[in-house]
N, C-alpha and C. Protein backbone atom coordinates (compact mmCIF):
# COMPACT_ATOMS: atom_id res chain seq x y z
N MET A 1 23.02 -11.38 3.13
CA MET A 1 22.37 -11.61 4.36
C MET A 1 20.95 -12.10 4.10
N ALA A 2 20.56 -13.18 4.79
CA ALA A 2 19.24 -13.78 4.57
C ALA A 2 18.22 -13.09 5.46
N GLY A 3 17.05 -12.84 4.91
CA GLY A 3 15.98 -12.18 5.66
C GLY A 3 15.15 -13.21 6.44
N TYR A 4 14.11 -12.71 7.08
CA TYR A 4 13.24 -13.57 7.86
C TYR A 4 12.43 -14.43 6.91
N LYS A 5 12.41 -15.72 7.19
CA LYS A 5 11.65 -16.65 6.36
C LYS A 5 10.39 -17.04 7.12
N GLU A 6 9.26 -16.83 6.51
CA GLU A 6 7.97 -17.18 7.10
C GLU A 6 7.86 -18.70 7.15
N PRO A 7 7.57 -19.29 8.35
CA PRO A 7 7.46 -20.75 8.40
C PRO A 7 6.25 -21.23 7.62
N GLY A 8 6.44 -22.28 6.84
CA GLY A 8 5.37 -22.83 6.04
C GLY A 8 4.48 -23.74 6.87
N ILE A 9 3.47 -24.27 6.23
CA ILE A 9 2.51 -25.12 6.94
C ILE A 9 3.19 -26.37 7.46
N GLN A 10 4.08 -26.94 6.67
CA GLN A 10 4.76 -28.17 7.09
C GLN A 10 5.65 -27.92 8.31
N ASP A 11 6.30 -26.77 8.34
CA ASP A 11 7.14 -26.42 9.49
C ASP A 11 6.29 -26.30 10.76
N ARG A 12 5.13 -25.67 10.65
CA ARG A 12 4.24 -25.52 11.81
C ARG A 12 3.69 -26.86 12.27
N VAL A 13 3.36 -27.75 11.32
CA VAL A 13 2.85 -29.09 11.67
C VAL A 13 3.92 -29.88 12.40
N ASN A 14 5.15 -29.81 11.91
CA ASN A 14 6.26 -30.54 12.55
C ASN A 14 6.53 -29.98 13.96
N ALA A 15 6.49 -28.67 14.13
CA ALA A 15 6.73 -28.05 15.43
C ALA A 15 5.64 -28.46 16.41
N ALA A 16 4.39 -28.51 15.95
CA ALA A 16 3.29 -28.92 16.82
C ALA A 16 3.44 -30.38 17.22
N ALA A 17 3.85 -31.23 16.27
CA ALA A 17 4.04 -32.66 16.57
C ALA A 17 5.17 -32.85 17.59
N GLN A 18 6.23 -32.08 17.44
CA GLN A 18 7.34 -32.19 18.38
C GLN A 18 6.90 -31.72 19.79
N ALA A 19 6.13 -30.66 19.84
CA ALA A 19 5.65 -30.15 21.13
C ALA A 19 4.75 -31.18 21.80
N ARG A 20 3.88 -31.83 21.02
CA ARG A 20 3.01 -32.86 21.58
C ARG A 20 3.82 -34.04 22.10
N ALA A 21 4.81 -34.45 21.32
CA ALA A 21 5.65 -35.58 21.74
C ALA A 21 6.42 -35.24 23.02
N LYS A 22 6.93 -34.02 23.12
CA LYS A 22 7.67 -33.61 24.30
C LYS A 22 6.75 -33.57 25.53
N ALA A 23 5.54 -33.04 25.37
CA ALA A 23 4.59 -32.99 26.47
C ALA A 23 4.19 -34.38 26.92
N LEU A 24 4.00 -35.29 25.98
CA LEU A 24 3.64 -36.67 26.31
C LEU A 24 4.77 -37.36 27.04
N GLU A 25 6.00 -37.10 26.61
CA GLU A 25 7.16 -37.70 27.27
C GLU A 25 7.30 -37.18 28.70
N LEU A 26 7.07 -35.88 28.91
CA LEU A 26 7.12 -35.31 30.26
C LEU A 26 6.05 -35.94 31.15
N LEU A 27 4.88 -36.15 30.59
CA LEU A 27 3.78 -36.74 31.34
C LEU A 27 4.09 -38.18 31.73
N LYS A 28 4.69 -38.92 30.81
CA LYS A 28 5.03 -40.32 31.08
C LYS A 28 6.18 -40.44 32.07
N SER A 29 7.05 -39.45 32.12
CA SER A 29 8.22 -39.53 32.99
C SER A 29 7.89 -39.19 34.44
N LYS A 30 6.67 -38.68 34.72
CA LYS A 30 6.29 -38.35 36.08
C LYS A 30 6.12 -39.64 36.88
N PRO A 31 6.56 -39.62 38.15
CA PRO A 31 6.36 -40.80 38.98
C PRO A 31 4.87 -40.97 39.30
N PRO A 32 4.43 -42.21 39.51
CA PRO A 32 3.01 -42.41 39.83
C PRO A 32 2.68 -41.80 41.21
N ILE A 33 1.44 -41.41 41.37
CA ILE A 33 1.02 -40.77 42.62
C ILE A 33 0.79 -41.84 43.67
N ASP A 34 1.37 -41.62 44.84
CA ASP A 34 1.20 -42.55 45.96
C ASP A 34 -0.24 -42.42 46.47
N PRO A 35 -0.96 -43.55 46.62
CA PRO A 35 -2.36 -43.47 47.06
C PRO A 35 -2.52 -42.81 48.44
N ASP A 36 -1.55 -43.03 49.34
CA ASP A 36 -1.64 -42.41 50.66
C ASP A 36 -1.53 -40.89 50.56
N VAL A 37 -0.59 -40.44 49.74
CA VAL A 37 -0.39 -39.01 49.55
C VAL A 37 -1.63 -38.40 48.89
N GLN A 38 -2.17 -39.11 47.92
CA GLN A 38 -3.35 -38.62 47.22
C GLN A 38 -4.54 -38.54 48.19
N ALA A 39 -4.71 -39.55 49.03
CA ALA A 39 -5.81 -39.53 50.01
C ALA A 39 -5.64 -38.37 50.99
N GLU A 40 -4.38 -38.12 51.39
CA GLU A 40 -4.11 -37.01 52.30
C GLU A 40 -4.45 -35.68 51.64
N ARG A 41 -4.10 -35.53 50.38
CA ARG A 41 -4.40 -34.29 49.64
C ARG A 41 -5.92 -34.10 49.53
N ILE A 42 -6.62 -35.19 49.24
CA ILE A 42 -8.07 -35.10 49.11
C ILE A 42 -8.69 -34.72 50.44
N ALA A 43 -8.20 -35.30 51.53
CA ALA A 43 -8.73 -34.98 52.85
C ALA A 43 -8.48 -33.51 53.20
N LYS A 44 -7.28 -33.03 52.91
CA LYS A 44 -6.96 -31.62 53.18
C LYS A 44 -7.84 -30.69 52.35
N ALA A 45 -8.06 -31.07 51.09
CA ALA A 45 -8.90 -30.24 50.22
C ALA A 45 -10.34 -30.21 50.74
N ALA A 46 -10.83 -31.37 51.19
CA ALA A 46 -12.19 -31.41 51.73
C ALA A 46 -12.29 -30.58 53.01
N GLU A 47 -11.28 -30.66 53.84
CA GLU A 47 -11.25 -29.88 55.09
C GLU A 47 -11.22 -28.38 54.79
N ARG A 48 -10.42 -28.01 53.81
CA ARG A 48 -10.31 -26.61 53.41
C ARG A 48 -11.65 -26.12 52.85
N GLU A 49 -12.30 -26.94 52.03
CA GLU A 49 -13.59 -26.58 51.46
C GLU A 49 -14.65 -26.43 52.55
N ALA A 50 -14.63 -27.32 53.54
CA ALA A 50 -15.59 -27.23 54.64
C ALA A 50 -15.36 -25.95 55.44
N ALA A 51 -14.11 -25.60 55.67
CA ALA A 51 -13.80 -24.37 56.41
C ALA A 51 -14.27 -23.15 55.63
N GLN A 52 -14.06 -23.17 54.31
CA GLN A 52 -14.49 -22.04 53.49
C GLN A 52 -16.01 -21.93 53.47
N ALA A 53 -16.70 -23.09 53.42
CA ALA A 53 -18.16 -23.08 53.42
C ALA A 53 -18.68 -22.52 54.74
N ALA A 54 -18.05 -22.92 55.85
CA ALA A 54 -18.45 -22.39 57.15
C ALA A 54 -18.22 -20.88 57.22
N LYS A 55 -17.12 -20.43 56.68
CA LYS A 55 -16.81 -19.00 56.67
C LYS A 55 -17.83 -18.23 55.83
N ARG A 56 -18.20 -18.82 54.67
CA ARG A 56 -19.21 -18.18 53.83
C ARG A 56 -20.55 -18.10 54.54
N GLU A 57 -20.93 -19.18 55.23
CA GLU A 57 -22.20 -19.20 55.96
C GLU A 57 -22.19 -18.15 57.08
N ALA A 58 -21.06 -18.04 57.78
CA ALA A 58 -20.96 -17.04 58.85
C ALA A 58 -21.08 -15.63 58.28
N ALA A 59 -20.44 -15.38 57.15
CA ALA A 59 -20.51 -14.07 56.53
C ALA A 59 -21.93 -13.78 56.06
N LYS A 60 -22.60 -14.79 55.52
CA LYS A 60 -23.98 -14.63 55.06
C LYS A 60 -24.90 -14.32 56.24
N ALA A 61 -24.70 -15.04 57.35
CA ALA A 61 -25.51 -14.80 58.54
C ALA A 61 -25.26 -13.38 59.08
N ALA A 62 -24.01 -12.94 59.05
CA ALA A 62 -23.69 -11.59 59.52
C ALA A 62 -24.36 -10.54 58.64
N ARG A 63 -24.34 -10.75 57.32
CA ARG A 63 -24.99 -9.82 56.41
C ARG A 63 -26.50 -9.77 56.67
N GLU A 64 -27.10 -10.96 56.84
CA GLU A 64 -28.53 -11.01 57.09
C GLU A 64 -28.89 -10.33 58.42
N ALA A 65 -28.04 -10.52 59.44
CA ALA A 65 -28.29 -9.88 60.73
C ALA A 65 -28.19 -8.37 60.59
N LYS A 66 -27.21 -7.91 59.83
CA LYS A 66 -27.05 -6.47 59.62
C LYS A 66 -28.26 -5.90 58.88
N ILE A 67 -28.75 -6.63 57.88
CA ILE A 67 -29.92 -6.18 57.13
C ILE A 67 -31.14 -6.13 58.05
N ALA A 68 -31.30 -7.16 58.89
CA ALA A 68 -32.44 -7.20 59.81
C ALA A 68 -32.35 -6.05 60.81
N GLU A 69 -31.15 -5.77 61.28
CA GLU A 69 -30.96 -4.67 62.23
C GLU A 69 -31.31 -3.33 61.58
N LYS A 70 -30.87 -3.13 60.35
CA LYS A 70 -31.19 -1.89 59.65
C LYS A 70 -32.69 -1.78 59.41
N ALA A 71 -33.34 -2.91 59.09
CA ALA A 71 -34.78 -2.89 58.88
C ALA A 71 -35.50 -2.53 60.17
N ALA A 72 -35.03 -3.08 61.30
CA ALA A 72 -35.64 -2.77 62.59
C ALA A 72 -35.45 -1.29 62.93
N GLN A 73 -34.27 -0.75 62.66
CA GLN A 73 -34.03 0.66 62.92
C GLN A 73 -34.91 1.54 62.04
N ALA A 74 -35.06 1.13 60.78
CA ALA A 74 -35.90 1.91 59.87
C ALA A 74 -37.36 1.87 60.33
N GLU A 75 -37.82 0.70 60.78
CA GLU A 75 -39.19 0.59 61.27
C GLU A 75 -39.39 1.46 62.52
N LYS A 76 -38.41 1.43 63.42
CA LYS A 76 -38.49 2.24 64.63
C LYS A 76 -38.52 3.73 64.27
N ALA A 77 -37.68 4.14 63.33
CA ALA A 77 -37.65 5.54 62.90
C ALA A 77 -38.98 5.92 62.26
N ARG A 78 -39.55 5.00 61.49
CA ARG A 78 -40.83 5.27 60.85
C ARG A 78 -41.92 5.44 61.90
N GLN A 79 -41.91 4.59 62.92
CA GLN A 79 -42.91 4.69 63.97
C GLN A 79 -42.75 5.99 64.77
N GLU A 80 -41.51 6.37 65.07
CA GLU A 80 -41.26 7.62 65.78
C GLU A 80 -41.71 8.81 64.94
N ALA A 81 -41.45 8.75 63.65
CA ALA A 81 -41.86 9.84 62.77
C ALA A 81 -43.38 9.91 62.71
N ALA A 82 -44.04 8.75 62.69
CA ALA A 82 -45.50 8.73 62.64
C ALA A 82 -46.08 9.27 63.94
N ALA A 83 -45.43 8.97 65.06
CA ALA A 83 -45.92 9.45 66.35
C ALA A 83 -45.70 10.97 66.49
N ALA A 84 -44.60 11.45 65.95
CA ALA A 84 -44.28 12.87 66.06
C ALA A 84 -45.02 13.71 65.03
N ALA A 85 -45.52 13.10 63.99
CA ALA A 85 -46.18 13.85 62.93
C ALA A 85 -47.54 14.34 63.43
N PRO A 86 -47.96 15.50 62.97
CA PRO A 86 -49.29 15.99 63.36
C PRO A 86 -50.36 15.07 62.79
N PRO A 87 -51.49 14.98 63.46
CA PRO A 87 -52.55 14.11 62.96
C PRO A 87 -53.05 14.62 61.61
N PRO A 88 -53.54 13.74 60.80
CA PRO A 88 -54.02 14.20 59.48
C PRO A 88 -55.24 15.09 59.67
N PRO A 89 -55.48 15.98 58.73
CA PRO A 89 -56.62 16.89 58.85
C PRO A 89 -57.93 16.10 58.87
N LEU A 90 -58.90 16.64 59.60
CA LEU A 90 -60.18 15.97 59.73
C LEU A 90 -60.98 16.08 58.44
N THR A 91 -61.73 15.04 58.16
CA THR A 91 -62.61 15.09 56.99
C THR A 91 -63.85 15.90 57.36
N GLU A 92 -64.64 16.20 56.37
CA GLU A 92 -65.86 16.99 56.61
C GLU A 92 -66.81 16.24 57.54
N GLU A 93 -66.90 14.94 57.39
CA GLU A 93 -67.80 14.16 58.24
C GLU A 93 -67.33 14.19 59.70
N GLU A 94 -66.01 14.09 59.91
CA GLU A 94 -65.47 14.14 61.27
C GLU A 94 -65.68 15.52 61.89
N LYS A 95 -65.50 16.56 61.09
CA LYS A 95 -65.72 17.92 61.58
C LYS A 95 -67.18 18.10 62.00
N LYS A 96 -68.11 17.58 61.18
CA LYS A 96 -69.53 17.71 61.49
C LYS A 96 -69.86 16.93 62.76
N ALA A 97 -69.27 15.73 62.94
CA ALA A 97 -69.55 14.94 64.14
C ALA A 97 -69.02 15.65 65.38
N ALA A 98 -67.85 16.28 65.31
CA ALA A 98 -67.29 17.01 66.45
C ALA A 98 -68.15 18.22 66.78
N ARG A 99 -68.61 18.91 65.75
CA ARG A 99 -69.46 20.09 65.94
C ARG A 99 -70.78 19.69 66.61
N ASP A 100 -71.35 18.58 66.13
CA ASP A 100 -72.61 18.10 66.72
C ASP A 100 -72.41 17.69 68.17
N ALA A 101 -71.24 17.08 68.48
CA ALA A 101 -70.97 16.66 69.86
C ALA A 101 -70.83 17.88 70.77
N ARG A 102 -70.17 18.93 70.30
CA ARG A 102 -70.04 20.16 71.09
C ARG A 102 -71.41 20.80 71.32
N TYR A 103 -72.20 20.82 70.28
CA TYR A 103 -73.54 21.40 70.38
C TYR A 103 -74.38 20.63 71.40
N ALA A 104 -74.30 19.29 71.35
CA ALA A 104 -75.08 18.47 72.28
C ALA A 104 -74.57 18.67 73.71
N ALA A 105 -73.27 18.84 73.90
CA ALA A 105 -72.71 19.06 75.23
C ALA A 105 -73.15 20.39 75.78
N ARG A 106 -73.21 21.41 74.91
CA ARG A 106 -73.64 22.73 75.33
C ARG A 106 -75.11 22.72 75.75
N LYS A 107 -75.93 22.05 75.00
CA LYS A 107 -77.35 21.95 75.32
C LYS A 107 -77.55 21.18 76.61
N ALA A 108 -76.69 20.14 76.85
CA ALA A 108 -76.83 19.34 78.07
C ALA A 108 -76.42 20.15 79.29
N ARG A 109 -75.45 21.05 79.14
CA ARG A 109 -75.02 21.89 80.27
C ARG A 109 -76.09 22.89 80.65
N LYS A 110 -76.83 23.41 79.70
CA LYS A 110 -77.86 24.43 79.95
C LYS A 110 -79.04 23.85 80.72
N LYS A 111 -79.28 22.60 80.58
CA LYS A 111 -80.42 21.99 81.24
C LYS A 111 -80.23 21.77 82.67
């Protein structure tokens, strides 16, 4: 019983040449493309590409609108939080000015 024989370099070269010849023969045997059919295919492909581009633009616009809406909501929430937050503590200068104003008001009432 004969075992497996490893193909040599010449066998591989011949197999590759036969495969190339077969592929070339298949290519030559194809009928030529009708120009009308080819133009129709090109038109359909262009139409399909335009539809896909429009769909991509619509999706992009929807994403941008959603992002803008979220940004507006975040800004509104930030403003509400700022309005609801207690005022920051007064600085020493502000405290002194308020104290002086109260003192002046008290002196003005006594007169």
